[in-house]
Amino acid sequence: MQVVFENEALEDLYFDGQTNDKRYNRLPLDIVRRFKKAVDYIIAAPRVEDLFRMKSLHYEKKQGNLKGVSAVWINDQYRLLFYTSPNEQGIIINAIITELSKHYE
């Protein structure tokens, strides 16, 4: 899939492994490593349906106030939230990564 980072801090975190954003600069190194791995899986997937096959990601579409947002697990505590959009044939191949959130906060 084609991935775009909505947040510059997440882009820095992915490419450099660190960021100056106070929200993400104190993340444990293991979480940063798993974040990069999850983004790599999203990039490698030709379409969003292929994320269902990777059971370790626990891909889900959110409900309630996060309706329309997709999520994959980083670990049992952190989630990577992103929006998906289809191409002209209706196949979802684009992901806009918005947030790395601590679950239930």
Protein backbone atom coordinates (compact mmCIF):
# COMPACT_ATOMS: atom_id res chain seq x y z
CA MET A 1 0.00 0.00 0.00
CA GLN A 2 0.98 3.59 -0.36
CA VAL A 3 1.59 5.16 3.03
CA VAL A 4 1.46 8.85 3.92
CA PHE A 5 2.22 10.21 7.38
CA GLU A 6 -0.22 12.87 8.54
CA ASN A 7 1.98 13.72 11.49
CA GLU A 8 5.58 14.83 10.86
CA ALA A 9 6.65 13.40 14.23
CA LEU A 10 5.54 9.91 13.18
CA GLU A 11 7.42 10.27 9.92
CA ASP A 12 10.58 11.22 11.84
CA LEU A 13 10.02 8.30 14.19
CA TYR A 14 9.72 5.89 11.27
CA PHE A 15 12.71 7.13 9.25
CA ASP A 16 15.06 8.29 12.03
CA GLY A 17 13.94 6.21 15.01
CA GLN A 18 13.48 9.34 17.10
CA THR A 19 11.55 12.59 17.15
CA ASN A 20 11.53 15.90 19.02
CA ASP A 21 7.77 15.75 19.55
CA LYS A 22 7.16 15.47 23.29
CA ARG A 23 4.32 13.03 22.70
CA TYR A 24 6.57 10.40 21.09
CA ASN A 25 10.12 11.15 22.23
CA ARG A 26 9.90 9.02 25.39
CA LEU A 27 8.65 5.86 23.75
CA PRO A 28 10.60 2.73 24.64
CA LEU A 29 12.93 1.50 21.90
CA ASP A 30 10.95 -1.72 21.63
CA ILE A 31 7.78 0.23 20.78
CA VAL A 32 9.65 2.26 18.14
CA ARG A 33 11.00 -0.96 16.61
CA ARG A 34 7.53 -2.54 16.57
CA PHE A 35 6.05 0.66 15.12
CA LYS A 36 8.51 0.51 12.22
CA LYS A 37 7.71 -3.16 11.70
CA ALA A 38 3.94 -2.49 11.62
CA VAL A 39 4.39 0.31 9.08
CA ASP A 40 6.59 -1.99 6.98
CA TYR A 41 3.81 -4.60 7.00
CA ILE A 42 1.29 -1.98 5.87
CA ILE A 43 3.60 -0.85 3.08
CA ALA A 44 4.22 -4.45 1.97
CA ALA A 45 0.51 -5.31 1.81
CA PRO A 46 -0.84 -4.74 -1.72
CA ARG A 47 -4.29 -3.93 -0.30
CA VAL A 48 -5.92 -3.55 3.10
CA GLU A 49 -7.57 -6.98 2.97
CA ASP A 50 -4.11 -8.55 3.16
CA LEU A 51 -3.68 -7.12 6.68
CA PHE A 52 -6.41 -9.49 7.90
CA ARG A 53 -4.15 -12.45 7.09
CA MET A 54 -1.42 -11.24 9.44
CA LYS A 55 -2.88 -12.32 12.75
CA SER A 56 -0.14 -10.63 14.80
CA LEU A 57 -1.33 -7.20 13.63
CA HIS A 58 -4.89 -7.68 14.93
CA TYR A 59 -6.19 -5.39 12.17
CA GLU A 60 -9.53 -3.86 13.02
CA LYS A 61 -11.88 -1.11 11.93
CA LYS A 62 -12.79 1.05 14.88
CA GLN A 63 -16.35 1.71 16.05
CA GLY A 64 -18.00 4.56 17.91
CA ASN A 65 -16.23 7.91 18.00
CA LEU A 66 -13.34 6.49 15.93
CA LYS A 67 -15.61 5.18 13.16
CA GLY A 68 -13.78 5.16 9.83
CA VAL A 69 -10.38 4.67 11.46
CA SER A 70 -8.39 1.45 11.04
CA ALA A 71 -5.95 0.16 13.63
CA VAL A 72 -3.21 -2.42 14.05
CA TRP A 73 -1.60 -3.47 17.30
CA ILE A 74 1.94 -2.42 18.09
CA ASN A 75 1.77 -4.44 21.30
CA ASP A 76 -0.95 -5.07 23.87
CA GLN A 77 -0.79 -1.43 24.97
CA TYR A 78 -0.16 0.66 21.81
CA ARG A 79 -2.17 0.97 18.57
CA LEU A 80 -1.28 2.48 15.21
CA LEU A 81 -4.28 4.39 13.89
CA PHE A 82 -4.70 5.17 10.20
CA TYR A 83 -7.28 6.06 7.57
CA THR A 84 -7.64 4.11 4.35
CA SER A 85 -8.80 5.32 0.97
CA PRO A 86 -9.64 3.42 -2.23
CA ASN A 87 -8.23 3.86 -5.71
CA GLU A 88 -10.42 4.42 -8.78
CA GLN A 89 -11.36 0.70 -8.93
CA GLY A 90 -12.54 0.76 -5.30
CA ILE A 91 -9.64 -1.32 -3.96
CA ILE A 92 -8.22 0.15 -0.75
CA ILE A 93 -4.51 0.66 -1.36
CA ASN A 94 -3.75 3.95 0.43
CA ALA A 95 -3.09 4.46 4.13
CA ILE A 96 -2.79 7.78 5.95
CA ILE A 97 -1.07 7.14 9.28
CA THR A 98 -2.43 9.53 11.88
CA GLU A 99 -1.48 8.47 15.39
CA LEU A 100 0.39 6.07 17.61
CA SER A 101 -1.90 5.87 20.61
CA LYS A 102 -1.75 4.29 24.00
CA HIS A 103 -4.82 2.10 24.21
CA TYR A 104 -7.60 3.33 26.54
CA GLU A 105 -6.02 6.74 27.17
